Amino acid sequence: MAATSTEERYTIISADTHAGANHETYRSYLDPAYLHDFDAWRNKYKNPFRDLQEGDGGRVRNWDDERRFSDEEADGVVAEVVFPNTVPPFFPSFILFARPAYAR
């Protein structure tokens, strides 16, 4: 087997990028009849990902394209596959997940 040259380059594509609107954006699409319930749900919602709430930029880093592109460039990422994952309004859990399969 030939040794790998340190001169070789790799193309890095992130296949674990997730995106979605912030809750305030969802609010603007709701029928006014649901705004009170939405606000009550939103005020109880706790983001489980502390790293998205702290540090420079706080929660906005989730939606800050310039910061994301800069972070990716620093990591050598040249492309990404993006999956939806924002918790939608009134979702009963703090995170989206697939429940285990079960027999019917």
N, C-alpha and C. Protein backbone atom coordinates (compact mmCIF):
# COMPACT_ATOMS: atom_id res chain seq x y z
N MET A 1 0.85 -1.17 0.00
CA MET A 1 0.00 0.00 0.00
C MET A 1 0.89 1.24 0.00
N ALA A 2 0.58 2.18 -0.84
CA ALA A 2 1.38 3.40 -0.96
C ALA A 2 1.08 4.34 0.19
N ALA A 3 2.10 5.03 0.62
CA ALA A 3 1.92 6.02 1.69
C ALA A 3 1.11 7.21 1.16
N THR A 4 0.33 7.81 2.03
CA THR A 4 -0.46 8.98 1.65
C THR A 4 0.42 10.22 1.73
N SER A 5 0.43 10.98 0.69
CA SER A 5 1.23 12.19 0.65
C SER A 5 0.56 13.29 1.46
N THR A 6 1.36 14.08 2.14
CA THR A 6 0.81 15.21 2.89
C THR A 6 0.35 16.31 1.95
N GLU A 7 0.67 16.17 0.67
CA GLU A 7 0.26 17.15 -0.33
C GLU A 7 -1.18 16.91 -0.82
N GLU A 8 -1.74 15.73 -0.55
CA GLU A 8 -3.10 15.42 -1.01
C GLU A 8 -4.12 16.28 -0.26
N ARG A 9 -5.21 16.56 -0.95
CA ARG A 9 -6.27 17.37 -0.36
C ARG A 9 -7.56 16.58 -0.37
N TYR A 10 -8.41 16.86 0.59
CA TYR A 10 -9.71 16.22 0.69
C TYR A 10 -10.79 17.28 0.54
N THR A 11 -11.91 16.90 -0.05
CA THR A 11 -13.07 17.77 -0.11
C THR A 11 -13.96 17.40 1.07
N ILE A 12 -14.23 18.36 1.93
CA ILE A 12 -15.04 18.10 3.11
C ILE A 12 -16.44 18.65 2.89
N ILE A 13 -17.42 17.75 2.98
CA ILE A 13 -18.83 18.12 2.85
C ILE A 13 -19.52 17.72 4.15
N SER A 14 -20.14 18.67 4.81
CA SER A 14 -20.87 18.38 6.03
C SER A 14 -22.18 17.69 5.66
N ALA A 15 -22.43 16.54 6.26
CA ALA A 15 -23.68 15.82 6.02
C ALA A 15 -24.52 15.80 7.29
N ASP A 16 -24.29 16.77 8.17
CA ASP A 16 -25.03 16.81 9.43
C ASP A 16 -25.42 18.25 9.76
N THR A 17 -25.88 18.99 8.77
CA THR A 17 -26.32 20.36 8.98
C THR A 17 -27.83 20.37 9.12
N HIS A 18 -28.31 21.12 10.08
CA HIS A 18 -29.75 21.21 10.33
C HIS A 18 -30.16 22.68 10.30
N ALA A 19 -31.35 22.92 9.79
CA ALA A 19 -31.79 24.31 9.66
C ALA A 19 -33.29 24.41 9.86
N GLY A 20 -33.71 25.60 10.16
CA GLY A 20 -35.14 25.89 10.31
C GLY A 20 -35.31 27.32 10.79
N ALA A 21 -36.51 27.78 10.73
CA ALA A 21 -36.80 29.15 11.17
C ALA A 21 -36.78 29.25 12.69
N ASN A 22 -36.55 30.45 13.20
CA ASN A 22 -36.69 30.64 14.63
C ASN A 22 -38.18 30.74 14.96
N HIS A 23 -38.51 30.62 16.22
CA HIS A 23 -39.93 30.58 16.61
C HIS A 23 -40.67 31.87 16.26
N GLU A 24 -40.00 32.99 16.33
CA GLU A 24 -40.66 34.25 16.00
C GLU A 24 -41.10 34.26 14.53
N THR A 25 -40.34 33.64 13.67
CA THR A 25 -40.72 33.57 12.27
C THR A 25 -42.00 32.74 12.11
N TYR A 26 -42.08 31.61 12.82
CA TYR A 26 -43.31 30.82 12.78
C TYR A 26 -44.50 31.65 13.25
N ARG A 27 -44.29 32.44 14.27
CA ARG A 27 -45.38 33.23 14.85
C ARG A 27 -46.04 34.11 13.79
N SER A 28 -45.25 34.67 12.89
CA SER A 28 -45.80 35.57 11.89
C SER A 28 -46.73 34.86 10.90
N TYR A 29 -46.67 33.54 10.83
CA TYR A 29 -47.53 32.79 9.92
C TYR A 29 -48.81 32.27 10.59
N LEU A 30 -48.90 32.38 11.90
CA LEU A 30 -50.05 31.83 12.62
C LEU A 30 -51.30 32.69 12.47
N ASP A 31 -52.42 32.03 12.45
CA ASP A 31 -53.71 32.72 12.51
C ASP A 31 -53.74 33.47 13.85
N PRO A 32 -54.21 34.72 13.86
CA PRO A 32 -54.25 35.48 15.12
C PRO A 32 -54.97 34.77 16.26
N ALA A 33 -55.88 33.87 15.94
CA ALA A 33 -56.60 33.14 16.99
C ALA A 33 -55.67 32.25 17.81
N TYR A 34 -54.49 31.91 17.28
CA TYR A 34 -53.56 31.02 17.97
C TYR A 34 -52.39 31.74 18.62
N LEU A 35 -52.30 33.04 18.49
CA LEU A 35 -51.13 33.77 18.99
C LEU A 35 -50.98 33.68 20.51
N HIS A 36 -52.07 33.79 21.24
CA HIS A 36 -51.99 33.71 22.71
C HIS A 36 -51.45 32.33 23.12
N ASP A 37 -52.00 31.26 22.53
CA ASP A 37 -51.54 29.91 22.86
C ASP A 37 -50.08 29.72 22.44
N PHE A 38 -49.72 30.28 21.30
CA PHE A 38 -48.33 30.17 20.84
C PHE A 38 -47.39 30.85 21.83
N ASP A 39 -47.75 32.06 22.26
CA ASP A 39 -46.89 32.79 23.20
C ASP A 39 -46.75 32.03 24.51
N ALA A 40 -47.82 31.41 24.97
CA ALA A 40 -47.76 30.63 26.21
C ALA A 40 -46.84 29.42 26.02
N TRP A 41 -46.96 28.74 24.88
CA TRP A 41 -46.08 27.59 24.59
C TRP A 41 -44.63 28.06 24.50
N ARG A 42 -44.39 29.14 23.78
CA ARG A 42 -43.04 29.64 23.58
C ARG A 42 -42.38 30.06 24.88
N ASN A 43 -43.14 30.65 25.78
CA ASN A 43 -42.58 31.09 27.06
C ASN A 43 -42.16 29.92 27.95
N LYS A 44 -42.72 28.73 27.71
CA LYS A 44 -42.35 27.54 28.49
C LYS A 44 -41.26 26.73 27.81
N TYR A 45 -41.02 26.99 26.54
CA TYR A 45 -40.06 26.19 25.77
C TYR A 45 -38.64 26.45 26.27
N LYS A 46 -37.88 25.38 26.45
CA LYS A 46 -36.48 25.48 26.86
C LYS A 46 -35.62 24.80 25.80
N ASN A 47 -34.69 25.53 25.23
CA ASN A 47 -33.78 24.97 24.24
C ASN A 47 -32.78 24.07 24.96
N PRO A 48 -32.71 22.79 24.57
CA PRO A 48 -31.82 21.86 25.27
C PRO A 48 -30.35 22.00 24.90
N PHE A 49 -30.06 22.79 23.89
CA PHE A 49 -28.69 22.90 23.42
C PHE A 49 -28.05 24.17 23.96
N ARG A 50 -27.40 24.06 25.10
CA ARG A 50 -26.81 25.22 25.78
C ARG A 50 -25.79 25.94 24.89
N ASP A 51 -25.10 25.21 24.04
CA ASP A 51 -24.07 25.85 23.21
C ASP A 51 -24.68 26.81 22.20
N LEU A 52 -25.97 26.72 21.95
CA LEU A 52 -26.63 27.65 21.04
C LEU A 52 -27.13 28.88 21.78
N GLN A 53 -27.03 28.89 23.09
CA GLN A 53 -27.53 30.01 23.88
C GLN A 53 -26.41 30.86 24.46
N GLU A 54 -25.21 30.34 24.52
CA GLU A 54 -24.14 31.03 25.21
C GLU A 54 -23.07 31.52 24.24
N GLY A 55 -22.18 32.32 24.77
CA GLY A 55 -21.04 32.77 23.98
C GLY A 55 -21.39 33.94 23.08
N ASP A 56 -20.46 34.26 22.21
CA ASP A 56 -20.67 35.40 21.31
C ASP A 56 -21.77 35.08 20.31
N GLY A 57 -22.79 35.87 20.26
CA GLY A 57 -23.87 35.66 19.31
C GLY A 57 -25.07 34.95 19.87
N GLY A 58 -24.90 34.19 20.97
CA GLY A 58 -26.04 33.52 21.58
C GLY A 58 -26.82 32.67 20.61
N ARG A 59 -28.13 32.65 20.80
CA ARG A 59 -28.99 31.80 19.99
C ARG A 59 -28.99 32.17 18.51
N VAL A 60 -28.69 33.40 18.17
CA VAL A 60 -28.76 33.82 16.77
C VAL A 60 -27.76 33.10 15.89
N ARG A 61 -26.76 32.44 16.48
CA ARG A 61 -25.79 31.76 15.63
C ARG A 61 -26.44 30.65 14.82
N ASN A 62 -27.61 30.18 15.24
CA ASN A 62 -28.35 29.19 14.46
C ASN A 62 -28.80 29.76 13.13
N TRP A 63 -29.01 31.07 13.05
CA TRP A 63 -29.57 31.69 11.86
C TRP A 63 -28.64 32.74 11.27
N ASP A 64 -27.40 32.73 11.69
CA ASP A 64 -26.43 33.71 11.22
C ASP A 64 -25.60 33.07 10.11
N ASP A 65 -26.01 33.30 8.85
CA ASP A 65 -25.33 32.68 7.71
C ASP A 65 -23.85 33.05 7.65
N GLU A 66 -23.53 34.31 7.86
CA GLU A 66 -22.13 34.73 7.77
C GLU A 66 -21.27 34.00 8.79
N ARG A 67 -21.79 33.84 10.02
CA ARG A 67 -21.03 33.13 11.04
C ARG A 67 -20.87 31.66 10.66
N ARG A 68 -21.96 31.04 10.19
CA ARG A 68 -21.88 29.62 9.82
C ARG A 68 -20.87 29.42 8.69
N PHE A 69 -20.94 30.28 7.66
CA PHE A 69 -20.00 30.15 6.55
C PHE A 69 -18.56 30.34 7.03
N SER A 70 -18.36 31.27 7.92
CA SER A 70 -17.02 31.52 8.46
C SER A 70 -16.53 30.31 9.26
N ASP A 71 -17.41 29.75 10.11
CA ASP A 71 -17.03 28.56 10.89
C ASP A 71 -16.71 27.39 9.97
N GLU A 72 -17.53 27.21 8.93
CA GLU A 72 -17.29 26.11 8.00
C GLU A 72 -15.97 26.30 7.26
N GLU A 73 -15.73 27.51 6.81
CA GLU A 73 -14.48 27.77 6.09
C GLU A 73 -13.28 27.49 6.99
N ALA A 74 -13.38 27.88 8.25
CA ALA A 74 -12.28 27.62 9.19
C ALA A 74 -12.07 26.12 9.40
N ASP A 75 -13.15 25.34 9.28
CA ASP A 75 -13.07 23.89 9.42
C ASP A 75 -12.74 23.18 8.12
N GLY A 76 -12.65 23.93 7.01
CA GLY A 76 -12.34 23.33 5.72
C GLY A 76 -13.54 22.75 4.99
N VAL A 77 -14.75 23.06 5.45
CA VAL A 77 -15.97 22.56 4.82
C VAL A 77 -16.28 23.41 3.60
N VAL A 78 -16.56 22.73 2.45
CA VAL A 78 -16.83 23.46 1.21
C VAL A 78 -18.28 23.32 0.75
N ALA A 79 -19.03 22.42 1.37
CA ALA A 79 -20.43 22.22 1.00
C ALA A 79 -21.14 21.55 2.17
N GLU A 80 -22.48 21.55 2.12
CA GLU A 80 -23.23 20.91 3.20
C GLU A 80 -24.56 20.36 2.68
N VAL A 81 -25.02 19.30 3.35
CA VAL A 81 -26.34 18.75 3.13
C VAL A 81 -27.17 19.26 4.31
N VAL A 82 -28.30 19.90 4.03
CA VAL A 82 -29.08 20.54 5.09
C VAL A 82 -30.39 19.78 5.33
N PHE A 83 -30.66 19.46 6.60
CA PHE A 83 -31.87 18.77 7.00
C PHE A 83 -32.74 19.71 7.84
N PRO A 84 -34.06 19.62 7.71
CA PRO A 84 -34.93 20.45 8.56
C PRO A 84 -34.97 19.88 9.97
N ASN A 85 -35.01 20.76 10.98
CA ASN A 85 -35.13 20.22 12.34
C ASN A 85 -35.64 21.21 13.38
N THR A 86 -36.09 22.36 13.00
CA THR A 86 -36.59 23.29 14.01
C THR A 86 -37.83 22.71 14.67
N VAL A 87 -37.90 22.81 15.97
CA VAL A 87 -39.08 22.35 16.68
C VAL A 87 -40.24 23.26 16.28
N PRO A 88 -41.30 22.69 15.69
CA PRO A 88 -42.42 23.52 15.23
C PRO A 88 -43.27 23.99 16.40
N PRO A 89 -44.05 25.04 16.20
CA PRO A 89 -44.92 25.53 17.28
C PRO A 89 -45.82 24.42 17.82
N PHE A 90 -46.00 24.44 19.11
CA PHE A 90 -46.88 23.53 19.85
C PHE A 90 -46.36 22.09 19.91
N PHE A 91 -45.13 21.86 19.45
CA PHE A 91 -44.58 20.51 19.52
C PHE A 91 -44.43 20.14 20.99
N PRO A 92 -44.87 18.94 21.40
CA PRO A 92 -44.91 18.59 22.82
C PRO A 92 -43.57 18.28 23.46
N SER A 93 -42.51 18.18 22.68
CA SER A 93 -41.21 17.83 23.22
C SER A 93 -40.21 18.92 22.91
N PHE A 94 -39.08 18.90 23.60
CA PHE A 94 -38.05 19.92 23.38
C PHE A 94 -37.20 19.64 22.16
N ILE A 95 -37.35 18.45 21.55
CA ILE A 95 -36.50 18.09 20.43
C ILE A 95 -37.26 17.13 19.51
N LEU A 96 -36.94 17.18 18.24
CA LEU A 96 -37.54 16.25 17.29
C LEU A 96 -36.78 14.93 17.34
N PHE A 97 -37.48 13.83 17.39
CA PHE A 97 -36.83 12.53 17.39
C PHE A 97 -37.81 11.49 16.86
N ALA A 98 -37.25 10.38 16.40
CA ALA A 98 -38.07 9.27 15.91
C ALA A 98 -38.27 8.30 17.05
N ARG A 99 -39.50 7.93 17.27
CA ARG A 99 -39.79 6.95 18.32
C ARG A 99 -39.38 5.56 17.82
N PRO A 100 -39.04 4.64 18.76
CA PRO A 100 -38.68 3.28 18.35
C PRO A 100 -39.85 2.58 17.66
N ALA A 101 -39.52 1.66 16.79
CA ALA A 101 -40.56 0.88 16.12
C ALA A 101 -41.25 -0.02 17.15
N TYR A 102 -42.50 -0.35 16.89
CA TYR A 102 -43.23 -1.23 17.79
C TYR A 102 -44.17 -2.11 16.96
N ALA A 103 -44.51 -3.27 17.53
CA ALA A 103 -45.42 -4.19 16.85
C ALA A 103 -46.84 -3.70 17.01
N ARG A 104 -47.64 -3.89 15.97
CA ARG A 104 -49.06 -3.46 16.05
C ARG A 104 -49.92 -4.64 16.36
